PDB file of N, CA and C in Angstrom:
ATOM      1  N   MET A   1      18.888  58.925  40.975  1.00  0.00           N
ATOM      2  CA  MET A   1      17.866  59.647  40.327  1.00  0.00           C
ATOM      3  C   MET A   1      17.579  58.230  39.419  1.00  0.00           C
ATOM      4  N   LYS A   2      18.743  57.371  39.218  1.00  0.00           N
ATOM      5  CA  LYS A   2      18.231  55.765  38.648  1.00  0.00           C
ATOM      6  C   LYS A   2      17.506  54.952  39.643  1.00  0.00           C
ATOM      7  N   LEU A   3      17.474  55.209  41.001  1.00  0.00           N
ATOM      8  CA  LEU A   3      17.127  54.097  41.751  1.00  0.00           C
ATOM      9  C   LEU A   3      15.357  54.855  42.151  1.00  0.00           C
ATOM     10  N   LEU A   4      15.334  55.977  41.615  1.00  0.00           N
ATOM     11  CA  LEU A   4      14.227  56.898  41.741  1.00  0.00           C
ATOM     12  C   LEU A   4      12.801  56.165  40.897  1.00  0.00           C
ATOM     13  N   PHE A   5      13.387  56.247  39.650  1.00  0.00           N
ATOM     14  CA  PHE A   5      12.291  56.054  38.530  1.00  0.00           C
ATOM     15  C   PHE A   5      11.373  54.687  38.660  1.00  0.00           C
ATOM     16  N   PRO A   6      12.526  53.994  38.793  1.00  0.00           N
ATOM     17  CA  PRO A   6      11.554  52.520  39.170  1.00  0.00           C
ATOM     18  C   PRO A   6      10.838  51.965  40.413  1.00  0.00           C
ATOM     19  N   ARG A   7      11.390  52.924  41.494  1.00  0.00           N
ATOM     20  CA  ARG A   7      10.579  52.734  42.314  1.00  0.00           C
ATOM     21  C   ARG A   7       9.199  53.465  42.079  1.00  0.00           C
ATOM     22  N   LEU A   8       9.245  54.800  41.706  1.00  0.00           N
ATOM     23  CA  LEU A   8       8.018  55.607  41.289  1.00  0.00           C
ATOM     24  C   LEU A   8       7.070  54.787  40.492  1.00  0.00           C
ATOM     25  N   VAL A   9       7.555  53.971  39.415  1.00  0.00           N
ATOM     26  CA  VAL A   9       6.944  52.956  38.632  1.00  0.00           C
ATOM     27  C   VAL A   9       6.239  51.872  39.503  1.00  0.00           C
ATOM     28  N   VAL A  10       6.934  51.232  40.165  1.00  0.00           N
ATOM     29  CA  VAL A  10       6.333  50.130  40.803  1.00  0.00           C
ATOM     30  C   VAL A  10       5.382  50.948  42.212  1.00  0.00           C
ATOM     31  N   LEU A  11       5.685  52.143  42.697  1.00  0.00           N
ATOM     32  CA  LEU A  11       4.542  52.506  43.587  1.00  0.00           C
ATOM     33  C   LEU A  11       3.453  52.813  42.574  1.00  0.00           C
ATOM     34  N   THR A  12       3.391  53.252  41.485  1.00  0.00           N
ATOM     35  CA  THR A  12       2.043  53.682  40.881  1.00  0.00           C
ATOM     36  C   THR A  12       1.280  52.548  40.205  1.00  0.00           C
ATOM     37  N   LEU A  13       2.360  51.610  39.904  1.00  0.00           N
ATOM     38  CA  LEU A  13       1.532  50.285  39.378  1.00  0.00           C
ATOM     39  C   LEU A  13       0.815  49.351  40.467  1.00  0.00           C
ATOM     40  N   SER A  14       1.349  49.392  41.484  1.00  0.00           N
ATOM     41  CA  SER A  14       0.852  49.040  42.953  1.00  0.00           C
ATOM     42  C   SER A  14      -0.379  49.913  43.263  1.00  0.00           C
ATOM     43  N   ALA A  15      -0.511  51.114  43.249  1.00  0.00           N
ATOM     44  CA  ALA A  15      -1.967  51.893  43.452  1.00  0.00           C
ATOM     45  C   ALA A  15      -2.748  51.791  42.520  1.00  0.00           C
ATOM     46  N   ALA A  16      -2.513  51.651  41.080  1.00  0.00           N
ATOM     47  CA  ALA A  16      -3.371  51.208  40.172  1.00  0.00           C
ATOM     48  C   ALA A  16      -3.812  49.893  40.864  1.00  0.00           C
ATOM     49  N   SER A  17      -3.299  48.961  40.794  1.00  0.00           N
ATOM     50  CA  SER A  17      -3.992  47.687  40.818  1.00  0.00           C
ATOM     51  C   SER A  17      -4.617  47.432  42.019  1.00  0.00           C
ATOM     52  N   LEU A  18      -4.398  48.291  43.010  1.00  0.00           N
ATOM     53  CA  LEU A  18      -5.311  48.124  44.439  1.00  0.00           C
ATOM     54  C   LEU A  18      -6.594  49.153  43.857  1.00  0.00           C
ATOM     55  N   SER A  19      -6.743  49.957  43.212  1.00  0.00           N
ATOM     56  CA  SER A  19      -8.097  50.609  42.997  1.00  0.00           C
ATOM     57  C   SER A  19      -8.333  50.018  42.232  1.00  0.00           C
ATOM     58  N   ALA A  20      -8.108  49.397  41.063  1.00  0.00           N
ATOM     59  CA  ALA A  20      -8.680  48.361  39.970  1.00  0.00           C
ATOM     60  C   ALA A  20      -9.848  47.308  41.096  1.00  0.00           C
ATOM     61  N   GLY A  21      -8.391  46.466  41.653  1.00  0.00           N
ATOM     62  CA  GLY A  21      -9.461  45.420  42.714  1.00  0.00           C
ATOM     63  C   GLY A  21     -10.452  46.016  43.367  1.00  0.00           C
ATOM     64  N   ALA A  22     -10.669  47.538  44.251  1.00  0.00           N
ATOM     65  CA  ALA A  22     -11.583  48.008  44.774  1.00  0.00           C
ATOM     66  C   ALA A  22     -12.889  48.265  43.967  1.00  0.00           C
ATOM     67  N   ALA A  23     -12.575  48.131  42.877  1.00  0.00           N
ATOM     68  CA  ALA A  23     -13.790  48.465  42.069  1.00  0.00           C
ATOM     69  C   ALA A  23     -14.370  47.637  41.520  1.00  0.00           C
ATOM     70  N   LEU A  24     -14.331  46.024  42.019  1.00  0.00           N
ATOM     71  CA  LEU A  24     -14.848  45.027  41.602  1.00  0.00           C
ATOM     72  C   LEU A  24     -16.139  45.255  42.005  1.00  0.00           C
ATOM     73  N   LYS A  25     -17.603  44.822  41.115  1.00  0.00           N
ATOM     74  CA  LYS A  25     -18.705  44.954  41.362  1.00  0.00           C
ATOM     75  C   LYS A  25     -18.852  42.902  41.766  1.00  0.00           C
ATOM     76  N   PRO A  26     -20.375  42.847  41.935  1.00  0.00           N
ATOM     77  CA  PRO A  26     -20.441  41.197  42.114  1.00  0.00           C
ATOM     78  C   PRO A  26     -20.844  40.775  40.889  1.00  0.00           C
ATOM     79  N   THR A  27     -21.056  41.892  39.707  1.00  0.00           N
ATOM     80  CA  THR A  27     -21.315  41.018  38.490  1.00  0.00           C
ATOM     81  C   THR A  27     -20.057  40.660  37.812  1.00  0.00           C
ATOM     82  N   ASP A  28     -18.810  41.503  38.359  1.00  0.00           N
ATOM     83  CA  ASP A  28     -17.193  41.120  37.617  1.00  0.00           C
ATOM     84  C   ASP A  28     -17.085  39.477  38.195  1.00  0.00           C
ATOM     85  N   LEU A  29     -17.821  39.259  38.969  1.00  0.00           N
ATOM     86  CA  LEU A  29     -17.303  37.690  39.688  1.00  0.00           C
ATOM     87  C   LEU A  29     -18.283  36.801  38.974  1.00  0.00           C
ATOM     88  N   PHE A  30     -19.550  37.116  39.300  1.00  0.00           N
ATOM     89  CA  PHE A  30     -20.617  35.974  38.946  1.00  0.00           C
ATOM     90  C   PHE A  30     -20.976  36.434  37.809  1.00  0.00           C
ATOM     91  N   GLY A  31     -20.995  37.166  36.996  1.00  0.00           N
ATOM     92  CA  GLY A  31     -21.585  37.305  35.991  1.00  0.00           C
ATOM     93  C   GLY A  31     -22.863  38.415  35.895  1.00  0.00           C
ATOM     94  N   GLU A  32     -23.778  38.333  34.678  1.00  0.00           N
ATOM     95  CA  GLU A  32     -24.814  39.428  34.431  1.00  0.00           C
ATOM     96  C   GLU A  32     -26.322  39.201  34.219  1.00  0.00           C
ATOM     97  N   PRO A  33     -27.126  39.518  34.525  1.00  0.00           N
ATOM     98  CA  PRO A  33     -28.527  39.466  33.972  1.00  0.00           C
ATOM     99  C   PRO A  33     -28.536  39.116  32.491  1.00  0.00           C
ATOM    100  N   ALA A  34     -28.869  37.952  32.057  1.00  0.00           N
ATOM    101  CA  ALA A  34     -29.040  37.771  30.578  1.00  0.00           C
ATOM    102  C   ALA A  34     -29.770  38.614  29.797  1.00  0.00           C
ATOM    103  N   GLN A  35     -29.381  39.782  29.472  1.00  0.00           N
ATOM    104  CA  GLN A  35     -30.269  40.826  28.760  1.00  0.00           C
ATOM    105  C   GLN A  35     -28.954  42.161  28.520  1.00  0.00           C
ATOM    106  N   ALA A  36     -29.290  42.481  27.074  1.00  0.00           N
ATOM    107  CA  ALA A  36     -28.364  43.593  27.185  1.00  0.00           C
ATOM    108  C   ALA A  36     -28.464  44.873  27.498  1.00  0.00           C
ATOM    109  N   PRO A  37     -27.653  45.557  28.571  1.00  0.00           N
ATOM    110  CA  PRO A  37     -27.734  46.740  29.219  1.00  0.00           C
ATOM    111  C   PRO A  37     -27.547  48.077  28.538  1.00  0.00           C
ATOM    112  N   SER A  38     -27.063  47.755  27.263  1.00  0.00           N
ATOM    113  CA  SER A  38     -26.790  48.607  26.509  1.00  0.00           C
ATOM    114  C   SER A  38     -26.142  48.365  24.743  1.00  0.00           C
ATOM    115  N   LEU A  39     -26.455  49.638  24.168  1.00  0.00           N
ATOM    116  CA  LEU A  39     -26.135  48.921  22.659  1.00  0.00           C
ATOM    117  C   LEU A  39     -24.917  48.558  22.295  1.00  0.00           C
ATOM    118  N   GLU A  40     -23.675  48.811  23.449  1.00  0.00           N
ATOM    119  CA  GLU A  40     -22.586  48.528  23.252  1.00  0.00           C
ATOM    120  C   GLU A  40     -22.388  46.848  23.471  1.00  0.00           C
ATOM    121  N   ARG A  41     -23.515  46.672  23.997  1.00  0.00           N
ATOM    122  CA  ARG A  41     -23.183  44.691  25.171  1.00  0.00           C
ATOM    123  C   ARG A  41     -24.747  44.383  24.489  1.00  0.00           C
ATOM    124  N   ALA A  42     -24.780  44.597  23.022  1.00  0.00           N
ATOM    125  CA  ALA A  42     -26.211  43.969  22.597  1.00  0.00           C
ATOM    126  C   ALA A  42     -25.893  42.358  22.248  1.00  0.00           C
ATOM    127  N   ILE A  43     -24.505  42.119  22.260  1.00  0.00           N
ATOM    128  CA  ILE A  43     -24.187  40.862  21.740  1.00  0.00           C
ATOM    129  C   ILE A  43     -24.617  39.838  22.806  1.00  0.00           C
ATOM    130  N   ILE A  44     -25.069  40.168  24.044  1.00  0.00           N
ATOM    131  CA  ILE A  44     -25.324  39.392  24.862  1.00  0.00           C
ATOM    132  C   ILE A  44     -26.727  38.727  24.566  1.00  0.00           C
ATOM    133  N   THR A  45     -26.780  37.626  24.691  1.00  0.00           N
ATOM    134  CA  THR A  45     -28.364  36.651  24.126  1.00  0.00           C
ATOM    135  C   THR A  45     -29.256  36.637  25.620  1.00  0.00           C
ATOM    136  N   ALA A  46     -30.459  36.778  25.382  1.00  0.00           N
ATOM    137  CA  ALA A  46     -31.583  36.379  26.573  1.00  0.00           C
ATOM    138  C   ALA A  46     -31.749  34.697  26.119  1.00  0.00           C
ATOM    139  N   VAL A  47     -31.510  33.976  25.171  1.00  0.00           N
ATOM    140  CA  VAL A  47     -31.971  33.094  25.092  1.00  0.00           C
ATOM    141  C   VAL A  47     -30.905  31.727  26.182  1.00  0.00           C
ATOM    142  N   ALA A  48     -31.528  31.160  26.743  1.00  0.00           N
ATOM    143  CA  ALA A  48     -31.159  30.552  27.657  1.00  0.00           C
ATOM    144  C   ALA A  48     -30.846  29.155  27.190  1.00  0.00           C
ATOM    145  N   ASP A  49     -29.615  28.744  27.845  1.00  0.00           N
ATOM    146  CA  ASP A  49     -29.081  27.057  27.447  1.00  0.00           C
ATOM    147  C   ASP A  49     -29.970  26.061  28.033  1.00  0.00           C
ATOM    148  N   ARG A  50     -30.450  26.574  29.335  1.00  0.00           N
ATOM    149  CA  ARG A  50     -31.232  25.534  29.938  1.00  0.00           C
ATOM    150  C   ARG A  50     -31.970  25.941  31.163  1.00  0.00           C
ATOM    151  N   THR A  51     -32.614  25.542  31.873  1.00  0.00           N
ATOM    152  CA  THR A  51     -33.856  25.905  32.802  1.00  0.00           C
ATOM    153  C   THR A  51     -33.759  25.165  34.093  1.00  0.00           C
ATOM    154  N   ILE A  52     -33.362  25.663  34.972  1.00  0.00           N
ATOM    155  CA  ILE A  52     -33.004  25.228  36.315  1.00  0.00           C
ATOM    156  C   ILE A  52     -34.425  25.620  37.501  1.00  0.00           C
ATOM    157  N   THR A  53     -34.965  24.760  37.755  1.00  0.00           N
ATOM    158  CA  THR A  53     -36.031  24.984  38.729  1.00  0.00           C
ATOM    159  C   THR A  53     -35.739  24.603  40.196  1.00  0.00           C
ATOM    160  N   ILE A  54     -35.659  25.938  41.096  1.00  0.00           N
ATOM    161  CA  ILE A  54     -35.743  26.184  42.482  1.00  0.00           C
ATOM    162  C   ILE A  54     -36.759  25.858  43.126  1.00  0.00           C
ATOM    163  N   ASP A  55     -36.823  24.575  43.859  1.00  0.00           N
ATOM    164  CA  ASP A  55     -37.941  24.512  44.727  1.00  0.00           C
ATOM    165  C   ASP A  55     -37.539  24.340  46.384  1.00  0.00           C
ATOM    166  N   ASP A  56     -38.654  23.891  47.148  1.00  0.00           N
ATOM    167  CA  ASP A  56     -38.030  23.748  48.544  1.00  0.00           C
ATOM    168  C   ASP A  56     -36.986  22.974  48.723  1.00  0.00           C
ATOM    169  N   LYS A  57     -36.758  22.018  48.215  1.00  0.00           N
ATOM    170  CA  LYS A  57     -36.017  20.955  48.059  1.00  0.00           C
ATOM    171  C   LYS A  57     -34.292  21.071  47.770  1.00  0.00           C
ATOM    172  N   THR A  58     -34.275  22.499  46.584  1.00  0.00           N
ATOM    173  CA  THR A  58     -33.141  22.670  46.122  1.00  0.00           C
ATOM    174  C   THR A  58     -31.990  23.020  46.829  1.00  0.00           C
ATOM    175  N   LYS A  59     -31.118  22.845  47.238  1.00  0.00           N
ATOM    176  CA  LYS A  59     -29.797  23.158  48.003  1.00  0.00           C
ATOM    177  C   LYS A  59     -28.887  23.599  47.272  1.00  0.00           C
ATOM    178  N   TRP A  60     -28.239  23.270  45.883  1.00  0.00           N
ATOM    179  CA  TRP A  60     -27.198  23.613  45.201  1.00  0.00           C
ATOM    180  C   TRP A  60     -27.955  23.282  44.029  1.00  0.00           C
ATOM    181  N   VAL A  61     -27.016  24.508  42.830  1.00  0.00           N
ATOM    182  CA  VAL A  61     -27.269  24.201  41.444  1.00  0.00           C
ATOM    183  C   VAL A  61     -25.678  24.060  40.882  1.00  0.00           C
ATOM    184  N   ASN A  62     -25.643  23.380  39.650  1.00  0.00           N
ATOM    185  CA  ASN A  62     -23.985  23.600  38.939  1.00  0.00           C
ATOM    186  C   ASN A  62     -24.830  23.570  37.755  1.00  0.00           C
ATOM    187  N   VAL A  63     -23.618  24.819  37.308  1.00  0.00           N
ATOM    188  CA  VAL A  63     -23.412  25.918  36.161  1.00  0.00           C
ATOM    189  C   VAL A  63     -22.226  25.864  35.403  1.00  0.00           C
ATOM    190  N   ARG A  64     -22.597  26.410  33.789  1.00  0.00           N
ATOM    191  CA  ARG A  64     -20.981  26.464  33.666  1.00  0.00           C
ATOM    192  C   ARG A  64     -20.440  27.793  33.292  1.00  0.00           C
ATOM    193  N   HIS A  65     -19.363  28.173  33.146  1.00  0.00           N
ATOM    194  CA  HIS A  65     -18.953  29.404  32.892  1.00  0.00           C
ATOM    195  C   HIS A  65     -19.169  29.528  31.420  1.00  0.00           C
ATOM    196  N   PHE A  66     -19.769  30.826  31.282  1.00  0.00           N
ATOM    197  CA  PHE A  66     -20.437  31.469  30.048  1.00  0.00           C
ATOM    198  C   PHE A  66     -21.864  30.588  29.886  1.00  0.00           C
ATOM    199  N   GLU A  67     -22.507  30.378  30.740  1.00  0.00           N
ATOM    200  CA  GLU A  67     -23.936  29.498  30.240  1.00  0.00           C
ATOM    201  C   GLU A  67     -24.482  30.454  30.890  1.00  0.00           C
ATOM    202  N   VAL A  68     -25.884  30.608  29.988  1.00  0.00           N
ATOM    203  CA  VAL A  68     -27.129  31.468  30.238  1.00  0.00           C
ATOM    204  C   VAL A  68     -28.248  30.418  30.800  1.00  0.00           C
ATOM    205  N   ILE A  69     -28.773  30.703  31.906  1.00  0.00           N
ATOM    206  CA  ILE A  69     -29.396  29.762  32.823  1.00  0.00           C
ATOM    207  C   ILE A  69     -30.433  30.575  33.118  1.00  0.00           C
ATOM    208  N   ARG A  70     -31.986  29.943  32.852  1.00  0.00           N
ATOM    209  CA  ARG A  70     -33.065  30.685  33.276  1.00  0.00           C
ATOM    210  C   ARG A  70     -33.421  30.083  34.681  1.00  0.00           C
ATOM    211  N   PHE A  71     -33.647  30.796  35.965  1.00  0.00           N
ATOM    212  CA  PHE A  71     -34.093  30.292  36.868  1.00  0.00           C
ATOM    213  C   PHE A  71     -35.266  30.385  37.126  1.00  0.00           C
ATOM    214  N   VAL A  72     -36.363  29.346  37.489  1.00  0.00           N
ATOM    215  CA  VAL A  72     -37.216  29.464  37.755  1.00  0.00           C
ATOM    216  C   VAL A  72     -37.645  29.151  39.269  1.00  0.00           C
ATOM    217  N   SER A  73     -38.759  29.832  39.761  1.00  0.00           N
ATOM    218  CA  SER A  73     -39.180  29.579  41.107  1.00  0.00           C
ATOM    219  C   SER A  73     -40.637  30.224  41.501  1.00  0.00           C
ATOM    220  N   ASN A  74     -41.419  29.334  41.919  1.00  0.00           N
ATOM    221  CA  ASN A  74     -42.919  29.889  42.561  1.00  0.00           C
ATOM    222  C   ASN A  74     -43.571  30.879  41.295  1.00  0.00           C
ATOM    223  N   GLY A  75     -43.308  30.210  40.121  1.00  0.00           N
ATOM    224  CA  GLY A  75     -44.312  31.319  39.113  1.00  0.00           C
ATOM    225  C   GLY A  75     -42.936  32.791  39.036  1.00  0.00           C
ATOM    226  N   ARG A  76     -41.739  32.484  39.477  1.00  0.00           N
ATOM    227  CA  ARG A  76     -41.050  33.849  39.043  1.00  0.00           C
ATOM    228  C   ARG A  76     -40.165  33.359  38.272  1.00  0.00           C
ATOM    229  N   GLU A  77     -39.074  33.961  37.397  1.00  0.00           N
ATOM    230  CA  GLU A  77     -37.831  33.857  36.609  1.00  0.00           C
ATOM    231  C   GLU A  77     -37.249  34.669  36.455  1.00  0.00           C
ATOM    232  N   PHE A  78     -35.741  34.659  36.141  1.00  0.00           N
ATOM    233  CA  PHE A  78     -34.976  35.268  36.146  1.00  0.00           C
ATOM    234  C   PHE A  78     -33.968  34.747  35.150  1.00  0.00           C
ATOM    235  N   THR A  79     -33.234  35.296  34.461  1.00  0.00           N
ATOM    236  CA  THR A  79     -31.939  34.682  33.462  1.00  0.00           C
ATOM    237  C   THR A  79     -30.838  35.360  33.723  1.00  0.00           C
ATOM    238  N   TRP A  80     -29.666  34.414  34.010  1.00  0.00           N
ATOM    239  CA  TRP A  80     -28.295  34.966  34.141  1.00  0.00           C
ATOM    240  C   TRP A  80     -27.689  34.424  33.368  1.00  0.00           C
ATOM    241  N   TYR A  81     -26.579  35.371  32.812  1.00  0.00           N
ATOM    242  CA  TYR A  81     -25.221  34.720  31.801  1.00  0.00           C
ATOM    243  C   TYR A  81     -24.135  34.940  32.874  1.00  0.00           C
ATOM    244  N   PHE A  82     -23.577  33.792  32.983  1.00  0.00           N
ATOM    245  CA  PHE A  82     -22.297  33.338  33.739  1.00  0.00           C
ATOM    246  C   PHE A  82     -21.107  33.650  33.095  1.00  0.00           C
ATOM    247  N   ASP A  83     -20.595  35.259  33.085  1.00  0.00           N
ATOM    248  CA  ASP A  83     -19.832  35.706  31.755  1.00  0.00           C
ATOM    249  C   ASP A  83     -18.494  35.954  33.171  1.00  0.00           C
ATOM    250  N   GLY A  84     -18.738  35.805  34.593  1.00  0.00           N
ATOM    251  CA  GLY A  84     -17.352  36.848  35.601  1.00  0.00           C
ATOM    252  C   GLY A  84     -16.753  35.665  35.511  1.00  0.00           C
ATOM    253  N   VAL A  85     -15.630  35.656  36.666  1.00  0.00           N
ATOM    254  CA  VAL A  85     -14.553  35.017  36.826  1.00  0.00           C
ATOM    255  C   VAL A  85     -15.015  33.721  36.614  1.00  0.00           C
ATOM    256  N   ALA A  86     -13.878  32.884  36.014  1.00  0.00           N
ATOM    257  CA  ALA A  86     -14.084  31.633  35.363  1.00  0.00           C
ATOM    258  C   ALA A  86     -14.465  30.863  36.577  1.00  0.00           C
ATOM    259  N   GLN A  87     -14.139  30.698  37.595  1.00  0.00           N
ATOM    260  CA  GLN A  87     -14.952  29.834  38.930  1.00  0.00           C
ATOM    261  C   GLN A  87     -14.424  30.311  40.363  1.00  0.00           C
ATOM    262  N   PRO A  88     -15.566  31.390  40.086  1.00  0.00           N
ATOM    263  CA  PRO A  88     -15.532  31.690  41.570  1.00  0.00           C
ATOM    264  C   PRO A  88     -15.786  30.863  42.828  1.00  0.00           C
ATOM    265  N   ARG A  89     -15.346  31.254  43.725  1.00  0.00           N
ATOM    266  CA  ARG A  89     -15.911  30.581  44.854  1.00  0.00           C
ATOM    267  C   ARG A  89     -17.537  30.058  44.688  1.00  0.00           C
ATOM    268  N   PRO A  90     -17.853  28.720  45.266  1.00  0.00           N
ATOM    269  CA  PRO A  90     -19.638  28.689  45.458  1.00  0.00           C
ATOM    270  C   PRO A  90     -20.034  30.416  45.984  1.00  0.00           C
ATOM    271  N   PHE A  91     -21.105  30.308  45.630  1.00  0.00           N
ATOM    272  CA  PHE A  91     -21.664  31.633  46.190  1.00  0.00           C
ATOM    273  C   PHE A  91     -23.309  31.007  46.355  1.00  0.00           C
ATOM    274  N   ASP A  92     -24.214  32.374  47.322  1.00  0.00           N
ATOM    275  CA  ASP A  92     -25.265  31.878  47.315  1.00  0.00           C
ATOM    276  C   ASP A  92     -26.262  32.435  46.003  1.00  0.00           C
ATOM    277  N   LEU A  93     -27.422  31.863  45.748  1.00  0.00           N
ATOM    278  CA  LEU A  93     -27.900  32.265  44.667  1.00  0.00           C
ATOM    279  C   LEU A  93     -28.590  33.684  44.624  1.00  0.00           C
ATOM    280  N   SER A  94     -29.021  33.851  46.283  1.00  0.00           N
ATOM    281  CA  SER A  94     -29.752  35.346  46.629  1.00  0.00           C
ATOM    282  C   SER A  94     -28.634  36.249  46.044  1.00  0.00           C
ATOM    283  N   GLN A  95     -27.268  36.346  45.835  1.00  0.00           N
ATOM    284  CA  GLN A  95     -26.706  37.512  45.123  1.00  0.00           C
ATOM    285  C   GLN A  95     -26.948  37.863  44.298  1.00  0.00           C
ATOM    286  N   ILE A  96     -27.387  36.855  43.379  1.00  0.00           N
ATOM    287  CA  ILE A  96     -27.536  37.203  41.786  1.00  0.00           C
ATOM    288  C   ILE A  96     -29.635  37.297  41.727  1.00  0.00           C
ATOM    289  N   ALA A  97     -29.941  36.841  42.859  1.00  0.00           N
ATOM    290  CA  ALA A  97     -31.553  36.731  42.034  1.00  0.00           C
ATOM    291  C   ALA A  97     -32.401  37.952  42.597  1.00  0.00           C
ATOM    292  N   PRO A  98     -33.667  37.942  41.951  1.00  0.00           N
ATOM    293  CA  PRO A  98     -34.123  39.205  42.456  1.00  0.00           C
ATOM    294  C   PRO A  98     -34.266  39.186  43.808  1.00  0.00           C
ATOM    295  N   ALA A  99     -34.790  40.150  44.539  1.00  0.00           N
ATOM    296  CA  ALA A  99     -35.195  40.086  46.203  1.00  0.00           C
ATOM    297  C   ALA A  99     -36.165  39.082  45.883  1.00  0.00           C
ATOM    298  N   GLY A 100     -36.247  38.465  47.206  1.00  0.00           N
ATOM    299  CA  GLY A 100     -37.340  37.258  47.237  1.00  0.00           C
ATOM    300  C   GLY A 100     -37.711  36.323  46.708  1.00  0.00           C
ATOM    301  N   PHE A 101     -36.787  36.025  45.794  1.00  0.00           N
ATOM    302  CA  PHE A 101     -37.000  35.121  44.443  1.00  0.00           C
ATOM    303  C   PHE A 101     -36.975  33.629  45.147  1.00  0.00           C
ATOM    304  N   VAL A 102     -36.506  33.505  46.106  1.00  0.00           N
ATOM    305  CA  VAL A 102     -36.029  32.172  46.808  1.00  0.00           C
ATOM    306  C   VAL A 102     -36.087  32.459  48.372  1.00  0.00           C
ATOM    307  N   GLY A 103     -36.637  31.555  49.198  1.00  0.00           N
ATOM    308  CA  GLY A 103     -36.523  31.862  50.713  1.00  0.00           C
ATOM    309  C   GLY A 103     -35.695  31.150  51.471  1.00  0.00           C
ATOM    310  N   HIS A 104     -34.879  30.159  50.551  1.00  0.00           N
ATOM    311  CA  HIS A 104     -33.809  29.256  51.628  1.00  0.00           C
ATOM    312  C   HIS A 104     -32.669  29.948  50.784  1.00  0.00           C
ATOM    313  N   SER A 105     -31.467  29.251  51.357  1.00  0.00           N
ATOM    314  CA  SER A 105     -30.293  29.239  50.816  1.00  0.00           C
ATOM    315  C   SER A 105     -29.827  28.218  49.763  1.00  0.00           C
ATOM    316  N   VAL A 106     -29.447  28.904  48.534  1.00  0.00           N
ATOM    317  CA  VAL A 106     -29.016  27.719  47.563  1.00  0.00           C
ATOM    318  C   VAL A 106     -27.756  28.203  46.834  1.00  0.00           C
ATOM    319  N   THR A 107     -26.986  27.018  46.960  1.00  0.00           N
ATOM    320  CA  THR A 107     -25.607  27.753  46.563  1.00  0.00           C
ATOM    321  C   THR A 107     -25.102  26.930  45.264  1.00  0.00           C
ATOM    322  N   VAL A 108     -24.559  28.013  44.474  1.00  0.00           N
ATOM    323  CA  VAL A 108     -24.202  27.887  43.141  1.00  0.00           C
ATOM    324  C   VAL A 108     -22.912  27.537  42.722  1.00  0.00           C
ATOM    325  N   TYR A 109     -22.527  26.743  41.986  1.00  0.00           N
ATOM    326  CA  TYR A 109     -21.385  25.942  41.543  1.00  0.00           C
ATOM    327  C   TYR A 109     -20.708  26.445  40.390  1.00  0.00           C
ATOM    328  N   VAL A 110     -19.985  27.274  39.824  1.00  0.00           N
ATOM    329  CA  VAL A 110     -19.533  27.405  38.677  1.00  0.00           C
ATOM    330  C   VAL A 110     -18.654  26.781  38.018  1.00  0.00           C
ATOM    331  N   ALA A 111     -18.647  25.609  37.293  1.00  0.00           N
ATOM    332  CA  ALA A 111     -17.547  25.162  36.516  1.00  0.00           C
ATOM    333  C   ALA A 111     -16.714  25.932  35.388  1.00  0.00           C
ATOM    334  N   PRO A 112     -15.952  25.565  35.413  1.00  0.00           N
ATOM    335  CA  PRO A 112     -14.961  26.145  33.959  1.00  0.00           C
ATOM    336  C   PRO A 112     -15.882  25.087  32.632  1.00  0.00           C
ATOM    337  N   SER A 113     -15.507  26.052  31.766  1.00  0.00           N
ATOM    338  CA  SER A 113     -16.258  25.679  30.435  1.00  0.00           C
ATOM    339  C   SER A 113     -15.261  25.187  29.396  1.00  0.00           C
ATOM    340  N   GLU A 114     -15.721  24.617  28.306  1.00  0.00           N
ATOM    341  CA  GLU A 114     -14.484  24.427  27.326  1.00  0.00           C
ATOM    342  C   GLU A 114     -13.578  25.750  26.754  1.00  0.00           C
ATOM    343  N   ARG A 115     -14.578  26.514  26.911  1.00  0.00           N
ATOM    344  CA  ARG A 115     -13.816  28.028  26.545  1.00  0.00           C
ATOM    345  C   ARG A 115     -13.007  28.674  27.502  1.00  0.00           C
ATOM    346  N   ASP A 116     -12.676  28.072  28.492  1.00  0.00           N
ATOM    347  CA  ASP A 116     -11.684  28.400  29.527  1.00  0.00           C
ATOM    348  C   ASP A 116     -10.518  27.929  29.522  1.00  0.00           C
ATOM    349  N   PHE A 117     -10.594  26.715  28.685  1.00  0.00           N
ATOM    350  CA  PHE A 117      -9.073  25.757  27.919  1.00  0.00           C
ATOM    351  C   PHE A 117      -9.096  25.927  26.421  1.00  0.00           C
ATOM    352  N   PRO A 118      -8.852  26.657  25.665  1.00  0.00           N
ATOM    353  CA  PRO A 118      -8.371  27.144  24.495  1.00  0.00           C
ATOM    354  C   PRO A 118      -7.485  26.034  23.882  1.00  0.00           C
ATOM    355  N   GLY A 119      -7.692  25.641  23.033  1.00  0.00           N
ATOM    356  CA  GLY A 119      -6.321  24.517  22.374  1.00  0.00           C
ATOM    357  C   GLY A 119      -6.780  23.275  22.343  1.00  0.00           C
TER     358      GLY A 119
END
């Protein structure tokens, strides 16, 4: 009986961690639109730290974790709050941009910010 309880606890925790990992959404990794999706999340500001213009020659952009970026391209724009995983793998801008925002691949690199290294 003594061995059964620890094994049951380990199995339960393992199953919980697997289901939590399966529930990850792209916004968990990359961040979220810089507008409050609800009153509970109203602390998110839509004021951009800077603006990045995307044109036909843009191949990549560098941003920092917790930075709010306004992306502009061909008269369209969107603002993104990079509050996801501290340093995800590079990803394509099309994963967070509105459909048709840019017609070619633009790689986004997210660097850690000073908030990632307290003290």
